[in-house]
Amino acid sequence: MSATEKIALGSILTGIVVLALKALAWWMTGSVALLSDALESTVNVATAVAALIAIRIAAKPADRGHPYGHHKAEFFSAVLEGVMIIVAALLILREAWHGFQNPRMLDAPLEGLLVNGAASILNGLWCWVLISRGRKLKSPALVADGHHLLSDVISSIGVIAGVGLAVITGWAVLDPALAALVALNILWSGWKVMASSLSGLMDEAVSEDTLADIRATISDTATGAIEAHDLRTRHAGPRTFIDFHLVVEGGTTVDAAHDICDRIEQALKQKLPGALITIHVEPEHKAKHSGVVVI
């Protein structure tokens, strides 16, 4: 089992524990706001399962039907997660509306808030693990799951503070009002997760900083060539795809041109491990006098 799969499995186990704690806090208090927190945790568990499945599919090697690999499976998982976040928000809004119609004071509020607080601390720690490790492993599914948990942690802190305020002031209507605010925050989180994932499905290019590194690497290592043009990039999960045209002098032998390409590929893969690189070699009359100039 890969490191990414182990983290995804850890998300499922952590999500189940957090869900149990939040459900217990709701059962102890009867708070609509705490119920909304628990409902979001059901989505956490479901999306963690989806992320694990997507990560396993993405890890499959390329085959005849998928010659470029299965890396985009993680983006589909992240889109699904965004959809489920939005569904959870709508369910919470429904519960908040019922709470506005029939506001009530809470039972055992202190004990319930302590239990919910313990769940939030656990969520916060795991959120940090997901985002930091997900970025290192270049896993969109893990990063999306981490950002979702981050919104859960933030909303949980707001819920705890708000429910405490409702108990102190005796304003029962604050409980469903907080649930509605949590739902709006979750809606925004769901939209951001979906937007970033859709950009990956649309073959979005690498960041400007990464592109600058690629251009500099080509320029520094393509000694013997004239220029590189029509540079294109895209990313799919942990993979970065790079292709460009490399212009060499007309008298350059095939062996010499191949050596230049090997040197460039090796340097690029040191910068971007796992990168898939395609280089089209052209004679000097094809030069466009633009793109990457070889030093």
C-alpha atoms as a PDB file:
ATOM      1  CA  MET A   1       0.000   0.000   0.000  1.00  0.00           C
ATOM      2  CA  SER A   2       1.420   3.386  -1.024  1.00  0.00           C
ATOM      3  CA  ALA A   3       1.883   6.338   1.351  1.00  0.00           C
ATOM      4  CA  THR A   4      -1.026   8.136  -0.339  1.00  0.00           C
ATOM      5  CA  GLU A   5      -3.330   5.144   0.173  1.00  0.00           C
ATOM      6  CA  LYS A   6      -2.308   4.840   3.835  1.00  0.00           C
ATOM      7  CA  ILE A   7      -3.193   8.496   4.437  1.00  0.00           C
ATOM      8  CA  ALA A   8      -6.517   8.080   2.627  1.00  0.00           C
ATOM      9  CA  LEU A   9      -7.313   5.044   4.801  1.00  0.00           C
ATOM     10  CA  GLY A  10      -6.377   7.092   7.870  1.00  0.00           C
ATOM     11  CA  SER A  11      -8.917   9.713   6.746  1.00  0.00           C
ATOM     12  CA  ILE A  12     -11.688   7.122   6.794  1.00  0.00           C
ATOM     13  CA  LEU A  13     -10.802   5.943  10.304  1.00  0.00           C
ATOM     14  CA  THR A  14     -10.403   9.494  11.611  1.00  0.00           C
ATOM     15  CA  GLY A  15     -13.677  10.544   9.990  1.00  0.00           C
ATOM     16  CA  ILE A  16     -15.561   7.697  11.678  1.00  0.00           C
ATOM     17  CA  VAL A  17     -14.196   8.634  15.125  1.00  0.00           C
ATOM     18  CA  VAL A  18     -14.969  12.339  14.604  1.00  0.00           C
ATOM     19  CA  LEU A  19     -18.475  11.528  13.346  1.00  0.00           C
ATOM     20  CA  ALA A  20     -19.148   9.372  16.430  1.00  0.00           C
ATOM     21  CA  LEU A  21     -17.985  12.157  18.763  1.00  0.00           C
ATOM     22  CA  LYS A  22     -20.045  14.849  17.023  1.00  0.00           C
ATOM     23  CA  ALA A  23     -23.133  12.635  16.921  1.00  0.00           C
ATOM     24  CA  LEU A  24     -22.683  12.049  20.653  1.00  0.00           C
ATOM     25  CA  ALA A  25     -22.435  15.824  21.243  1.00  0.00           C
ATOM     26  CA  TRP A  26     -25.672  16.381  19.298  1.00  0.00           C
ATOM     27  CA  TRP A  27     -27.440  13.555  21.181  1.00  0.00           C
ATOM     28  CA  MET A  28     -26.369  15.061  24.510  1.00  0.00           C
ATOM     29  CA  THR A  29     -27.544  18.600  23.681  1.00  0.00           C
ATOM     30  CA  GLY A  30     -30.219  18.425  20.986  1.00  0.00           C
ATOM     31  CA  SER A  31     -28.463  21.385  19.287  1.00  0.00           C
ATOM     32  CA  VAL A  32     -29.305  21.992  15.623  1.00  0.00           C
ATOM     33  CA  ALA A  33     -25.906  23.629  15.155  1.00  0.00           C
ATOM     34  CA  LEU A  34     -24.124  20.555  16.540  1.00  0.00           C
ATOM     35  CA  LEU A  35     -26.341  18.368  14.339  1.00  0.00           C
ATOM     36  CA  SER A  36     -25.138  20.395  11.355  1.00  0.00           C
ATOM     37  CA  ASP A  37     -21.563  19.722  12.420  1.00  0.00           C
ATOM     38  CA  ALA A  38     -22.299  15.995  12.620  1.00  0.00           C
ATOM     39  CA  LEU A  39     -23.990  15.993   9.206  1.00  0.00           C
ATOM     40  CA  GLU A  40     -20.884  17.477   7.647  1.00  0.00           C
ATOM     41  CA  SER A  41     -18.823  14.692   9.206  1.00  0.00           C
ATOM     42  CA  THR A  42     -20.956  12.082   7.430  1.00  0.00           C
ATOM     43  CA  VAL A  43     -19.816  13.722   4.201  1.00  0.00           C
ATOM     44  CA  ASN A  44     -16.212  13.578   5.453  1.00  0.00           C
ATOM     45  CA  VAL A  45     -16.433   9.801   5.796  1.00  0.00           C
ATOM     46  CA  ALA A  46     -18.109   9.324   2.402  1.00  0.00           C
ATOM     47  CA  THR A  47     -15.613  11.524   0.580  1.00  0.00           C
ATOM     48  CA  ALA A  48     -12.673   9.853   2.349  1.00  0.00           C
ATOM     49  CA  VAL A  49     -13.900   6.514   0.967  1.00  0.00           C
ATOM     50  CA  ALA A  50     -14.255   8.073  -2.511  1.00  0.00           C
ATOM     51  CA  ALA A  51     -10.741   9.526  -2.242  1.00  0.00           C
ATOM     52  CA  LEU A  52      -9.238   6.134  -1.358  1.00  0.00           C
ATOM     53  CA  ILE A  53     -10.959   4.476  -4.320  1.00  0.00           C
ATOM     54  CA  ALA A  54      -9.806   7.252  -6.683  1.00  0.00           C
ATOM     55  CA  ILE A  55      -6.222   7.102  -5.396  1.00  0.00           C
ATOM     56  CA  ARG A  56      -6.097   3.354  -6.005  1.00  0.00           C
ATOM     57  CA  ILE A  57      -7.426   3.797  -9.542  1.00  0.00           C
ATOM     58  CA  ALA A  58      -4.983   6.648 -10.227  1.00  0.00           C
ATOM     59  CA  ALA A  59      -2.070   4.468  -9.091  1.00  0.00           C
ATOM     60  CA  LYS A  60      -2.741   1.892 -11.816  1.00  0.00           C
ATOM     61  CA  PRO A  61      -0.088   1.857 -14.558  1.00  0.00           C
ATOM     62  CA  ALA A  62      -0.898   2.978 -18.084  1.00  0.00           C
ATOM     63  CA  ASP A  63      -2.547   0.369 -20.289  1.00  0.00           C
ATOM     64  CA  ARG A  64      -3.810   0.051 -23.861  1.00  0.00           C
ATOM     65  CA  GLY A  65      -7.080   1.779 -23.081  1.00  0.00           C
ATOM     66  CA  HIS A  66      -5.415   4.508 -20.959  1.00  0.00           C
ATOM     67  CA  PRO A  67      -1.935   5.096 -22.450  1.00  0.00           C
ATOM     68  CA  TYR A  68      -1.461   8.282 -20.398  1.00  0.00           C
ATOM     69  CA  GLY A  69      -2.352   6.556 -17.120  1.00  0.00           C
ATOM     70  CA  HIS A  70      -5.303   6.900 -14.755  1.00  0.00           C
ATOM     71  CA  HIS A  71      -4.115   9.991 -12.867  1.00  0.00           C
ATOM     72  CA  LYS A  72      -7.246  12.076 -13.476  1.00  0.00           C
ATOM     73  CA  ALA A  73      -9.294   9.708 -11.310  1.00  0.00           C
ATOM     74  CA  GLU A  74      -8.257  11.840  -8.318  1.00  0.00           C
ATOM     75  CA  PHE A  75      -9.816  14.934  -9.879  1.00  0.00           C
ATOM     76  CA  PHE A  76     -13.115  13.099 -10.291  1.00  0.00           C
ATOM     77  CA  SER A  77     -12.967  12.226  -6.594  1.00  0.00           C
ATOM     78  CA  ALA A  78     -12.400  15.864  -5.674  1.00  0.00           C
ATOM     79  CA  VAL A  79     -15.350  16.973  -7.857  1.00  0.00           C
ATOM     80  CA  LEU A  80     -17.546  14.354  -6.181  1.00  0.00           C
ATOM     81  CA  GLU A  81     -16.405  15.638  -2.820  1.00  0.00           C
ATOM     82  CA  GLY A  82     -17.429  19.167  -3.773  1.00  0.00           C
ATOM     83  CA  VAL A  83     -20.885  17.940  -4.799  1.00  0.00           C
ATOM     84  CA  MET A  84     -21.339  16.047  -1.532  1.00  0.00           C
ATOM     85  CA  ILE A  85     -20.242  19.085   0.488  1.00  0.00           C
ATOM     86  CA  ILE A  86     -22.961  21.118  -1.211  1.00  0.00           C
ATOM     87  CA  VAL A  87     -25.552  18.404  -0.502  1.00  0.00           C
ATOM     88  CA  ALA A  88     -24.532  18.437   3.175  1.00  0.00           C
ATOM     89  CA  ALA A  89     -24.940  22.217   3.278  1.00  0.00           C
ATOM     90  CA  LEU A  90     -28.477  21.955   1.883  1.00  0.00           C
ATOM     91  CA  LEU A  91     -29.367  19.335   4.519  1.00  0.00           C
ATOM     92  CA  ILE A  92     -28.031  21.626   7.236  1.00  0.00           C
ATOM     93  CA  LEU A  93     -30.074  24.564   5.908  1.00  0.00           C
ATOM     94  CA  ARG A  94     -33.159  22.358   6.120  1.00  0.00           C
ATOM     95  CA  GLU A  95     -32.446  21.534   9.776  1.00  0.00           C
ATOM     96  CA  ALA A  96     -31.728  25.208  10.515  1.00  0.00           C
ATOM     97  CA  TRP A  97     -35.114  26.193   9.070  1.00  0.00           C
ATOM     98  CA  HIS A  98     -36.880  23.704  11.345  1.00  0.00           C
ATOM     99  CA  GLY A  99     -34.877  25.116  14.254  1.00  0.00           C
ATOM    100  CA  PHE A 100     -36.000  28.668  13.449  1.00  0.00           C
ATOM    101  CA  GLN A 101     -39.609  27.497  13.494  1.00  0.00           C
ATOM    102  CA  ASN A 102     -39.263  25.699  16.836  1.00  0.00           C
ATOM    103  CA  PRO A 103     -36.328  27.153  18.845  1.00  0.00           C
ATOM    104  CA  ARG A 104     -35.483  25.351  22.088  1.00  0.00           C
ATOM    105  CA  MET A 105     -32.870  25.566  24.818  1.00  0.00           C
ATOM    106  CA  LEU A 106     -30.164  22.913  24.937  1.00  0.00           C
ATOM    107  CA  ASP A 107     -29.623  19.967  27.266  1.00  0.00           C
ATOM    108  CA  ALA A 108     -26.211  19.367  28.923  1.00  0.00           C
ATOM    109  CA  PRO A 109     -24.549  22.084  26.820  1.00  0.00           C
ATOM    110  CA  LEU A 110     -21.142  22.074  28.551  1.00  0.00           C
ATOM    111  CA  GLU A 111     -20.584  18.335  28.241  1.00  0.00           C
ATOM    112  CA  GLY A 112     -21.733  18.351  24.626  1.00  0.00           C
ATOM    113  CA  LEU A 113     -19.434  21.240  23.724  1.00  0.00           C
ATOM    114  CA  LEU A 114     -16.453  19.491  25.333  1.00  0.00           C
ATOM    115  CA  VAL A 115     -17.100  16.339  23.290  1.00  0.00           C
ATOM    116  CA  ASN A 116     -17.505  18.397  20.100  1.00  0.00           C
ATOM    117  CA  GLY A 117     -14.324  20.304  20.920  1.00  0.00           C
ATOM    118  CA  ALA A 118     -12.357  17.054  21.216  1.00  0.00           C
ATOM    119  CA  ALA A 119     -13.650  16.019  17.775  1.00  0.00           C
ATOM    120  CA  SER A 120     -12.605  19.389  16.333  1.00  0.00           C
ATOM    121  CA  ILE A 121      -9.067  19.090  17.722  1.00  0.00           C
ATOM    122  CA  LEU A 122      -8.709  15.638  16.155  1.00  0.00           C
ATOM    123  CA  ASN A 123     -10.062  16.996  12.864  1.00  0.00           C
ATOM    124  CA  GLY A 124      -7.629  19.914  12.945  1.00  0.00           C
ATOM    125  CA  LEU A 125      -4.605  17.669  13.438  1.00  0.00           C
ATOM    126  CA  TRP A 126      -5.652  15.353  10.612  1.00  0.00           C
ATOM    127  CA  CYS A 127      -6.421  18.324   8.355  1.00  0.00           C
ATOM    128  CA  TRP A 128      -2.784  19.464   8.703  1.00  0.00           C
ATOM    129  CA  VAL A 129      -1.576  15.945   7.835  1.00  0.00           C
ATOM    130  CA  LEU A 130      -3.768  15.770   4.714  1.00  0.00           C
ATOM    131  CA  ILE A 131      -2.809  19.162   3.276  1.00  0.00           C
ATOM    132  CA  SER A 132       0.927  18.939   4.013  1.00  0.00           C
ATOM    133  CA  ARG A 133       1.342  15.334   2.872  1.00  0.00           C
ATOM    134  CA  GLY A 134      -1.087  15.746  -0.030  1.00  0.00           C
ATOM    135  CA  ARG A 135       0.961  18.624  -1.438  1.00  0.00           C
ATOM    136  CA  LYS A 136       4.201  16.703  -0.994  1.00  0.00           C
ATOM    137  CA  LEU A 137       2.738  13.634  -2.712  1.00  0.00           C
ATOM    138  CA  LYS A 138       0.987  15.815  -5.351  1.00  0.00           C
ATOM    139  CA  SER A 139      -2.372  14.220  -4.603  1.00  0.00           C
ATOM    140  CA  PRO A 140      -5.391  16.439  -5.471  1.00  0.00           C
ATOM    141  CA  ALA A 141      -7.722  14.042  -3.637  1.00  0.00           C
ATOM    142  CA  LEU A 142      -5.820  14.355  -0.345  1.00  0.00           C
ATOM    143  CA  VAL A 143      -5.439  18.136  -0.637  1.00  0.00           C
ATOM    144  CA  ALA A 144      -9.155  18.551  -1.436  1.00  0.00           C
ATOM    145  CA  ASP A 145     -10.045  16.360   1.537  1.00  0.00           C
ATOM    146  CA  GLY A 146      -7.750  18.459   3.737  1.00  0.00           C
ATOM    147  CA  HIS A 147      -9.321  21.747   2.646  1.00  0.00           C
ATOM    148  CA  HIS A 148     -12.761  20.297   3.272  1.00  0.00           C
ATOM    149  CA  LEU A 149     -11.712  19.310   6.794  1.00  0.00           C
ATOM    150  CA  LEU A 150     -10.256  22.789   7.309  1.00  0.00           C
ATOM    151  CA  SER A 151     -13.641  24.345   6.594  1.00  0.00           C
ATOM    152  CA  ASP A 152     -15.159  21.811   8.991  1.00  0.00           C
ATOM    153  CA  VAL A 153     -12.714  22.816  11.733  1.00  0.00           C
ATOM    154  CA  ILE A 154     -13.390  26.523  11.225  1.00  0.00           C
ATOM    155  CA  SER A 155     -17.149  26.045  11.257  1.00  0.00           C
ATOM    156  CA  SER A 156     -16.882  23.778  14.340  1.00  0.00           C
ATOM    157  CA  ILE A 157     -15.021  26.487  16.229  1.00  0.00           C
ATOM    158  CA  GLY A 158     -17.740  28.971  15.290  1.00  0.00           C
ATOM    159  CA  VAL A 159     -20.447  26.528  16.332  1.00  0.00           C
ATOM    160  CA  ILE A 160     -18.849  25.882  19.724  1.00  0.00           C
ATOM    161  CA  ALA A 161     -18.469  29.605  20.395  1.00  0.00           C
ATOM    162  CA  GLY A 162     -21.992  30.361  19.181  1.00  0.00           C
ATOM    163  CA  VAL A 163     -23.699  27.570  21.080  1.00  0.00           C
ATOM    164  CA  GLY A 164     -21.885  28.706  24.211  1.00  0.00           C
ATOM    165  CA  LEU A 165     -23.163  32.235  23.591  1.00  0.00           C
ATOM    166  CA  ALA A 166     -26.700  30.920  23.100  1.00  0.00           C
ATOM    167  CA  VAL A 167     -26.536  29.159  26.471  1.00  0.00           C
ATOM    168  CA  ILE A 168     -25.142  32.228  28.244  1.00  0.00           C
ATOM    169  CA  THR A 169     -27.652  34.685  26.744  1.00  0.00           C
ATOM    170  CA  GLY A 170     -30.632  32.356  26.665  1.00  0.00           C
ATOM    171  CA  TRP A 171     -31.286  33.222  22.983  1.00  0.00           C
ATOM    172  CA  ALA A 172     -32.354  29.840  21.647  1.00  0.00           C
ATOM    173  CA  VAL A 173     -32.647  31.219  18.104  1.00  0.00           C
ATOM    174  CA  LEU A 174     -28.845  31.573  17.960  1.00  0.00           C
ATOM    175  CA  ASP A 175     -28.559  27.785  17.627  1.00  0.00           C
ATOM    176  CA  PRO A 176     -30.345  27.454  14.229  1.00  0.00           C
ATOM    177  CA  ALA A 177     -28.821  30.774  13.113  1.00  0.00           C
ATOM    178  CA  LEU A 178     -25.355  29.303  13.606  1.00  0.00           C
ATOM    179  CA  ALA A 179     -26.377  26.166  11.717  1.00  0.00           C
ATOM    180  CA  ALA A 180     -27.387  28.346   8.757  1.00  0.00           C
ATOM    181  CA  LEU A 181     -24.023  30.170   8.852  1.00  0.00           C
ATOM    182  CA  VAL A 182     -22.215  26.824   8.930  1.00  0.00           C
ATOM    183  CA  ALA A 183     -24.177  25.740   5.858  1.00  0.00           C
ATOM    184  CA  LEU A 184     -23.209  28.887   3.933  1.00  0.00           C
ATOM    185  CA  ASN A 185     -19.549  28.383   4.824  1.00  0.00           C
ATOM    186  CA  ILE A 186     -19.752  24.764   3.649  1.00  0.00           C
ATOM    187  CA  LEU A 187     -21.353  25.847   0.358  1.00  0.00           C
ATOM    188  CA  TRP A 188     -18.420  28.184  -0.309  1.00  0.00           C
ATOM    189  CA  SER A 189     -15.942  25.422   0.565  1.00  0.00           C
ATOM    190  CA  GLY A 190     -17.697  23.003  -1.789  1.00  0.00           C
ATOM    191  CA  TRP A 191     -17.556  25.481  -4.652  1.00  0.00           C
ATOM    192  CA  LYS A 192     -13.810  26.075  -4.174  1.00  0.00           C
ATOM    193  CA  VAL A 193     -13.071  22.334  -4.114  1.00  0.00           C
ATOM    194  CA  MET A 194     -15.066  21.791  -7.314  1.00  0.00           C
ATOM    195  CA  ALA A 195     -13.514  24.790  -9.103  1.00  0.00           C
ATOM    196  CA  SER A 196      -9.920  23.690  -8.417  1.00  0.00           C
ATOM    197  CA  SER A 197     -10.684  20.099  -9.435  1.00  0.00           C
ATOM    198  CA  LEU A 198     -12.425  21.080 -12.663  1.00  0.00           C
ATOM    199  CA  SER A 199      -9.338  23.062 -13.688  1.00  0.00           C
ATOM    200  CA  GLY A 200      -7.347  19.817 -13.481  1.00  0.00           C
ATOM    201  CA  LEU A 201      -9.914  17.975 -15.588  1.00  0.00           C
ATOM    202  CA  MET A 202      -9.623  20.771 -18.160  1.00  0.00           C
ATOM    203  CA  ASP A 203      -5.858  20.141 -18.535  1.00  0.00           C
ATOM    204  CA  GLU A 204      -4.818  23.351 -16.801  1.00  0.00           C
ATOM    205  CA  ALA A 205      -1.155  24.268 -17.268  1.00  0.00           C
ATOM    206  CA  VAL A 206       1.340  24.155 -14.415  1.00  0.00           C
ATOM    207  CA  SER A 207       1.821  27.253 -12.258  1.00  0.00           C
ATOM    208  CA  GLU A 208       3.882  30.194 -13.521  1.00  0.00           C
ATOM    209  CA  ASP A 209       6.688  29.386 -11.058  1.00  0.00           C
ATOM    210  CA  THR A 210       6.878  25.769 -12.214  1.00  0.00           C
ATOM    211  CA  LEU A 211       6.775  26.861 -15.857  1.00  0.00           C
ATOM    212  CA  ALA A 212       9.666  29.251 -15.232  1.00  0.00           C
ATOM    213  CA  ASP A 213      11.676  26.386 -13.701  1.00  0.00           C
ATOM    214  CA  ILE A 214      10.939  24.187 -16.725  1.00  0.00           C
ATOM    215  CA  ARG A 215      12.031  26.897 -19.168  1.00  0.00           C
ATOM    216  CA  ALA A 216      15.228  27.583 -17.204  1.00  0.00           C
ATOM    217  CA  THR A 217      16.068  23.872 -17.014  1.00  0.00           C
ATOM    218  CA  ILE A 218      15.643  23.442 -20.774  1.00  0.00           C
ATOM    219  CA  SER A 219      17.752  26.524 -21.469  1.00  0.00           C
ATOM    220  CA  ASP A 220      20.567  25.368 -19.161  1.00  0.00           C
ATOM    221  CA  THR A 221      20.741  21.722 -20.288  1.00  0.00           C
ATOM    222  CA  ALA A 222      20.024  21.830 -24.040  1.00  0.00           C
ATOM    223  CA  THR A 223      23.608  22.667 -25.008  1.00  0.00           C
ATOM    224  CA  GLY A 224      24.070  21.745 -28.664  1.00  0.00           C
ATOM    225  CA  ALA A 225      20.542  22.814 -29.597  1.00  0.00           C
ATOM    226  CA  ILE A 226      19.390  26.218 -30.835  1.00  0.00           C
ATOM    227  CA  GLU A 227      16.016  26.790 -29.198  1.00  0.00           C
ATOM    228  CA  ALA A 228      12.885  25.142 -27.805  1.00  0.00           C
ATOM    229  CA  HIS A 229       9.461  26.386 -28.827  1.00  0.00           C
ATOM    230  CA  ASP A 230       5.770  25.454 -28.558  1.00  0.00           C
ATOM    231  CA  LEU A 231       6.284  24.433 -24.927  1.00  0.00           C
ATOM    232  CA  ARG A 232       3.073  22.993 -23.438  1.00  0.00           C
ATOM    233  CA  THR A 233       2.365  21.639 -19.975  1.00  0.00           C
ATOM    234  CA  ARG A 234      -0.510  20.112 -18.041  1.00  0.00           C
ATOM    235  CA  HIS A 235      -0.877  18.216 -14.794  1.00  0.00           C
ATOM    236  CA  ALA A 236      -2.971  15.229 -13.732  1.00  0.00           C
ATOM    237  CA  GLY A 237      -2.655  14.309 -10.071  1.00  0.00           C
ATOM    238  CA  PRO A 238       1.000  13.615  -9.255  1.00  0.00           C
ATOM    239  CA  ARG A 239       1.989  13.620 -12.942  1.00  0.00           C
ATOM    240  CA  THR A 240       3.224  16.603 -14.941  1.00  0.00           C
ATOM    241  CA  PHE A 241       3.115  16.356 -18.738  1.00  0.00           C
ATOM    242  CA  ILE A 242       5.611  18.427 -20.751  1.00  0.00           C
ATOM    243  CA  ASP A 243       6.036  18.572 -24.518  1.00  0.00           C
ATOM    244  CA  PHE A 244       7.932  20.943 -26.815  1.00  0.00           C
ATOM    245  CA  HIS A 245       9.824  21.213 -30.100  1.00  0.00           C
ATOM    246  CA  LEU A 246      13.629  21.260 -29.897  1.00  0.00           C
ATOM    247  CA  VAL A 247      15.504  22.892 -32.796  1.00  0.00           C
ATOM    248  CA  VAL A 248      19.022  21.605 -33.592  1.00  0.00           C
ATOM    249  CA  GLU A 249      21.529  22.427 -36.304  1.00  0.00           C
ATOM    250  CA  GLY A 250      20.853  20.734 -39.621  1.00  0.00           C
ATOM    251  CA  GLY A 251      24.018  18.646 -39.489  1.00  0.00           C
ATOM    252  CA  THR A 252      23.313  17.195 -36.044  1.00  0.00           C
ATOM    253  CA  THR A 253      23.251  13.403 -36.075  1.00  0.00           C
ATOM    254  CA  VAL A 254      20.327  11.412 -34.665  1.00  0.00           C
ATOM    255  CA  ASP A 255      22.583  10.098 -31.888  1.00  0.00           C
ATOM    256  CA  ALA A 256      23.685  13.608 -30.895  1.00  0.00           C
ATOM    257  CA  ALA A 257      20.113  14.927 -30.910  1.00  0.00           C
ATOM    258  CA  HIS A 258      19.021  11.948 -28.823  1.00  0.00           C
ATOM    259  CA  ASP A 259      21.772  12.652 -26.269  1.00  0.00           C
ATOM    260  CA  ILE A 260      20.584  16.256 -25.932  1.00  0.00           C
ATOM    261  CA  CYS A 261      17.011  15.073 -25.365  1.00  0.00           C
ATOM    262  CA  ASP A 262      18.145  12.542 -22.747  1.00  0.00           C
ATOM    263  CA  ARG A 263      20.068  15.252 -20.908  1.00  0.00           C
ATOM    264  CA  ILE A 264      17.045  17.568 -20.875  1.00  0.00           C
ATOM    265  CA  GLU A 265      14.683  14.809 -19.741  1.00  0.00           C
ATOM    266  CA  GLN A 266      16.954  13.763 -16.894  1.00  0.00           C
ATOM    267  CA  ALA A 267      17.225  17.341 -15.626  1.00  0.00           C
ATOM    268  CA  LEU A 268      13.472  17.932 -15.869  1.00  0.00           C
ATOM    269  CA  LYS A 269      12.700  14.716 -13.992  1.00  0.00           C
ATOM    270  CA  GLN A 270      15.042  15.806 -11.210  1.00  0.00           C
ATOM    271  CA  LYS A 271      12.997  18.998 -10.903  1.00  0.00           C
ATOM    272  CA  LEU A 272       9.629  17.261 -11.364  1.00  0.00           C
ATOM    273  CA  PRO A 273       9.800  13.577 -10.356  1.00  0.00           C
ATOM    274  CA  GLY A 274       7.485  11.421 -12.412  1.00  0.00           C
ATOM    275  CA  ALA A 275       7.164  13.973 -15.226  1.00  0.00           C
ATOM    276  CA  LEU A 276       6.232  12.581 -18.646  1.00  0.00           C
ATOM    277  CA  ILE A 277       8.172  14.411 -21.361  1.00  0.00           C
ATOM    278  CA  THR A 278       7.758  14.426 -25.136  1.00  0.00           C
ATOM    279  CA  ILE A 279      10.348  16.210 -27.317  1.00  0.00           C
ATOM    280  CA  HIS A 280       9.952  16.715 -31.066  1.00  0.00           C
ATOM    281  CA  VAL A 281      13.344  17.368 -32.722  1.00  0.00           C
ATOM    282  CA  GLU A 282      13.425  19.766 -35.714  1.00  0.00           C
ATOM    283  CA  PRO A 283      16.165  21.099 -38.052  1.00  0.00           C
ATOM    284  CA  GLU A 284      17.325  24.703 -37.732  1.00  0.00           C
ATOM    285  CA  HIS A 285      15.194  26.067 -40.594  1.00  0.00           C
ATOM    286  CA  LYS A 286      12.175  25.312 -38.397  1.00  0.00           C
ATOM    287  CA  ALA A 287      13.347  27.782 -35.759  1.00  0.00           C
ATOM    288  CA  LYS A 288      10.757  30.374 -34.722  1.00  0.00           C
ATOM    289  CA  HIS A 289      13.241  32.557 -32.826  1.00  0.00           C
ATOM    290  CA  SER A 290      10.890  32.529 -29.847  1.00  0.00           C
ATOM    291  CA  GLY A 291      10.219  30.397 -26.826  1.00  0.00           C
ATOM    292  CA  VAL A 292      13.259  29.102 -24.916  1.00  0.00           C
ATOM    293  CA  VAL A 293      16.654  30.246 -26.142  1.00  0.00           C
ATOM    294  CA  VAL A 294      19.427  27.767 -25.319  1.00  0.00           C
ATOM    295  CA  ILE A 295      22.331  29.268 -23.409  1.00  0.00           C
END
